[in-house]
Protein backbone atom coordinates (compact mmCIF):
# COMPACT_ATOMS: atom_id res chain seq x y z
CA MET A 1 23.05 26.80 12.24
CA ASP A 2 24.59 27.42 15.67
CA PHE A 3 25.95 30.67 14.25
CA SER A 4 23.31 31.62 11.67
CA LEU A 5 20.18 31.40 13.84
CA PRO A 6 21.51 33.72 16.60
CA LEU A 7 22.75 36.06 13.86
CA CYS A 8 19.29 36.24 12.29
CA GLU A 9 17.70 36.80 15.70
CA ALA A 10 20.12 39.67 16.33
CA ILE A 11 19.38 41.19 12.90
CA ASN A 12 15.67 41.29 13.72
CA ARG A 13 16.08 42.34 17.35
CA GLN A 14 18.52 45.16 16.66
CA GLY A 15 16.90 46.43 13.48
CA VAL A 16 20.07 45.98 11.42
CA GLY A 17 19.81 47.84 8.12
CA ARG A 18 22.44 46.18 5.93
CA VAL A 19 24.46 42.98 6.14
CA VAL A 20 27.42 41.83 4.06
CA GLY A 21 28.21 38.11 4.24
CA VAL A 22 31.04 35.90 3.01
CA SER A 23 29.62 33.13 0.83
CA SER A 24 30.81 31.05 -2.12
CA LEU A 25 30.54 30.71 -5.85
CA GLY A 26 28.21 28.01 -7.16
CA ARG A 27 24.93 29.06 -5.59
CA GLY A 28 22.09 27.27 -7.34
CA THR A 29 24.42 24.68 -8.88
CA ALA A 30 26.39 23.20 -5.96
CA LYS A 31 24.66 20.21 -4.35
CA ASN A 32 26.19 18.03 -1.63
CA ALA A 33 29.18 20.35 -1.61
CA GLY A 34 30.20 20.13 2.03
CA GLN A 35 30.90 23.46 3.68
CA ILE A 36 29.80 25.30 0.54
CA SER A 37 26.29 23.88 0.90
CA ALA A 38 26.26 25.03 4.53
CA ILE A 39 27.25 28.54 3.44
CA PHE A 40 24.30 28.67 1.04
CA ALA A 41 21.98 27.60 3.87
CA MET A 42 23.36 30.53 5.88
CA ASP A 43 22.63 32.91 2.99
CA HIS A 44 19.04 31.64 2.82
CA LEU A 45 18.47 32.17 6.54
CA ILE A 46 19.86 35.70 6.46
CA GLU A 47 17.75 36.58 3.43
CA SER A 48 14.65 35.21 5.17
CA THR A 49 14.90 38.08 7.70
CA GLY A 50 14.25 40.56 4.89
CA VAL A 51 17.40 42.53 5.69
CA ASN A 52 19.25 44.34 2.90
CA TYR A 53 21.94 41.80 2.10
CA ARG A 54 24.96 41.42 -0.13
CA SER A 55 26.40 37.93 -0.36
CA LEU A 56 30.06 38.00 -1.42
CA CYS A 57 30.56 34.95 -3.63
CA MET A 58 34.13 33.74 -3.56
CA PRO A 59 36.24 30.92 -4.95
CA GLY A 60 39.14 29.59 -2.88
CA PHE A 61 41.31 32.08 -1.01
CA MET A 62 44.93 32.54 -1.99
CA ASP A 63 45.63 32.76 1.74
CA ASN A 64 44.69 29.08 2.15
CA MET A 65 48.10 28.36 0.60
CA LEU A 66 49.61 29.36 3.95
CA TRP A 67 48.57 25.92 5.21
CA GLN A 68 51.13 24.54 2.77
CA VAL A 69 54.11 26.59 3.96
CA GLU A 70 55.92 23.64 5.60
CA PRO A 71 55.75 21.22 2.63
CA ILE A 72 56.71 24.07 0.30
CA LYS A 73 59.67 24.91 2.53
CA GLN A 74 60.76 21.37 3.33
CA GLN A 75 59.83 19.39 0.20
CA GLY A 76 59.41 21.96 -2.56
CA MET A 77 55.85 20.70 -3.05
CA PHE A 78 52.25 21.43 -2.16
CA PHE A 79 49.34 19.01 -2.17
CA TYR A 80 45.60 18.99 -2.80
CA PRO A 81 43.03 16.37 -3.87
CA MET A 82 42.18 18.16 -7.10
CA SER A 83 43.42 18.09 -10.68
CA GLY A 84 46.52 20.17 -11.28
CA ASP A 85 45.12 21.35 -14.62
CA ARG A 86 41.72 22.67 -13.47
CA LYS A 87 41.83 26.46 -13.84
CA VAL A 88 39.72 28.26 -11.25
CA PRO A 89 39.55 31.82 -9.93
CA ALA A 90 41.28 32.63 -6.65
CA CYS A 91 41.10 35.79 -4.57
CA ALA A 92 43.12 37.39 -1.80
CA THR A 93 41.40 38.01 1.52
CA ARG A 94 42.60 41.62 1.42
CA ASP A 95 40.43 42.16 -1.67
CA ILE A 96 37.42 40.52 -0.01
CA ALA A 97 37.84 42.91 2.91
CA ALA A 98 38.04 45.89 0.55
CA VAL A 99 34.81 44.92 -1.23
CA ALA A 100 33.03 44.33 2.09
CA ALA A 101 34.21 47.66 3.53
CA ARG A 102 33.10 49.54 0.43
CA LEU A 103 29.62 48.03 0.65
CA LEU A 104 29.28 48.66 4.38
CA LEU A 105 30.25 52.31 3.95
CA ASP A 106 27.83 52.77 1.03
CA HIS A 107 24.35 53.69 2.28
CA SER A 108 22.77 53.81 -1.17
CA TRP A 109 22.07 50.11 -1.82
CA SER A 110 19.11 48.02 -0.76
CA GLY A 111 17.56 44.65 -1.49
CA GLN A 112 19.40 41.35 -1.72
CA ASP A 113 22.01 40.34 -4.27
CA ASN A 114 25.13 38.24 -4.88
CA ILE A 115 28.49 39.94 -5.48
CA PRO A 116 31.13 37.68 -7.08
CA VAL A 117 34.73 38.35 -6.01
CA LEU A 118 36.91 36.53 -8.53
CA GLY A 119 40.45 37.84 -8.23
CA PRO A 120 42.23 38.91 -11.44
CA GLU A 121 42.70 35.56 -13.22
CA ASP A 122 41.91 31.86 -13.35
CA LEU A 123 44.85 29.62 -12.44
CA SER A 124 45.46 25.90 -12.08
CA PHE A 125 47.60 24.45 -9.31
CA ASN A 126 50.25 23.74 -11.92
CA ASP A 127 50.15 27.45 -12.88
CA MET A 128 50.54 28.35 -9.21
CA ALA A 129 53.52 26.00 -8.88
CA GLU A 130 55.22 27.76 -11.78
CA ILE A 131 54.61 31.17 -10.22
CA LEU A 132 55.82 29.93 -6.83
CA SER A 133 58.99 28.60 -8.43
CA GLU A 134 59.71 32.01 -9.95
CA VAL A 135 58.91 33.97 -6.78
CA LEU A 136 60.84 31.66 -4.44
CA GLU A 137 63.65 31.10 -6.99
CA ARG A 138 63.59 27.33 -6.47
CA PRO A 139 61.61 24.48 -8.06
CA ILE A 140 58.14 24.04 -6.57
CA ARG A 141 55.66 21.50 -7.88
CA PHE A 142 52.06 20.53 -7.23
CA GLN A 143 51.15 16.96 -6.34
CA GLN A 144 47.56 15.73 -6.56
CA ILE A 145 46.66 13.33 -3.75
CA SER A 146 43.60 11.19 -3.14
CA GLY A 147 40.64 12.43 -1.16
CA GLU A 148 41.27 9.64 1.34
CA ALA A 149 44.86 10.74 1.95
CA TYR A 150 43.81 14.38 2.31
CA LYS A 151 41.05 13.44 4.75
CA ALA A 152 43.45 11.31 6.80
CA ALA A 153 45.85 14.26 7.05
CA MET A 154 43.04 16.54 8.23
CA LEU A 155 41.97 14.03 10.88
CA GLN A 156 45.58 13.71 12.02
CA HIS A 157 45.67 17.47 12.58
CA GLY A 158 42.62 17.35 14.85
CA MET A 159 39.77 17.98 12.41
CA THR A 160 36.47 16.20 13.10
CA GLU A 161 35.27 13.43 10.81
CA ALA A 162 32.28 15.50 9.64
CA TRP A 163 34.34 18.61 8.88
CA ALA A 164 37.01 16.64 7.04
CA GLN A 165 34.39 14.84 4.94
CA GLY A 166 32.77 18.20 4.17
CA LEU A 167 36.09 19.45 2.82
CA ILE A 168 36.39 16.41 0.56
CA ASP A 169 32.85 16.93 -0.74
CA MET A 170 33.65 20.59 -1.37
CA VAL A 171 36.82 19.76 -3.30
CA ARG A 172 35.04 17.21 -5.46
CA ARG A 173 32.42 19.77 -6.50
CA THR A 174 35.12 22.37 -7.14
CA ASP A 175 36.96 19.93 -9.40
CA ARG A 176 33.72 19.53 -11.35
CA GLY A 177 33.55 23.24 -12.09
CA ILE A 178 31.30 25.01 -9.59
CA TYR A 179 33.79 27.89 -9.38
CA ASN A 180 33.76 28.32 -13.16
CA VAL A 181 30.09 29.16 -13.69
CA GLU A 182 30.36 32.89 -12.93
CA PRO A 183 31.49 34.99 -15.91
CA ARG A 184 34.42 37.30 -15.24
CA THR A 185 33.64 41.00 -15.69
CA PRO A 186 35.44 44.21 -14.71
CA GLU A 187 33.05 44.45 -11.74
CA THR A 188 33.81 40.94 -10.45
CA THR A 189 37.57 41.20 -10.94
CA THR A 190 39.70 42.21 -7.95
CA PRO A 191 43.28 43.52 -8.17
CA THR A 192 45.65 41.29 -6.18
CA SER A 193 47.33 38.73 -8.45
CA PHE A 194 48.60 35.41 -7.14
CA ARG A 195 52.15 36.49 -7.99
CA LYS A 196 51.80 39.70 -5.99
CA TRP A 197 50.25 37.82 -3.08
CA CYS A 198 53.09 35.29 -3.14
CA GLU A 199 55.70 38.06 -3.14
CA GLU A 200 54.09 39.97 -0.29
CA VAL A 201 52.60 37.20 1.90
CA LEU A 202 53.73 33.66 1.09
CA LYS A 203 57.40 34.31 0.39
CA PRO A 204 58.03 35.99 3.76
CA ALA A 205 56.21 33.09 5.47
CA VAL A 206 58.34 30.50 3.67
CA LEU A 207 61.59 32.35 4.38
CA SER A 208 60.83 33.01 8.04
């Protein structure tokens, strides 16, 4: 709210014509979903101004894997408190930026709508480990950890109790399928594959 309320005031005060926001998949189905629930509250506030609005609805970002560079490099593993077999969409931030830029440069649209940004495929963490192994040319595996262990690690790295708990709530809802409710279509599919992203972004980070 500390961000959204001043934003809405600025939209009204400055007479902003169009707004593109970064949101999440699962709107209308995700309850008690941590930061995802907060994102939907932001969407609602922006829409209440009456501004022409496009809410970009994303799954997890491929780029979040950069937080795992050290365990990938040092242990040949990455960790998350979610099932290794749950297949979910993932998108690259470069593709989010491309969709947002296209919408902001297009003066023809009006009204309010959601725009899913799903990446090119659904992958599990085990799938990602296999791709990482091929790209890095060394064995990489995924290890599921408990929510409590993940939360403790976040707190150790300086995260607040509330933010860390929000992440756990978000992961639990993701593992129950909130990212899988949006059907994939040519319009919702974006081009950067996880393999391509690994080759161009993660591999240089691991090798540096």
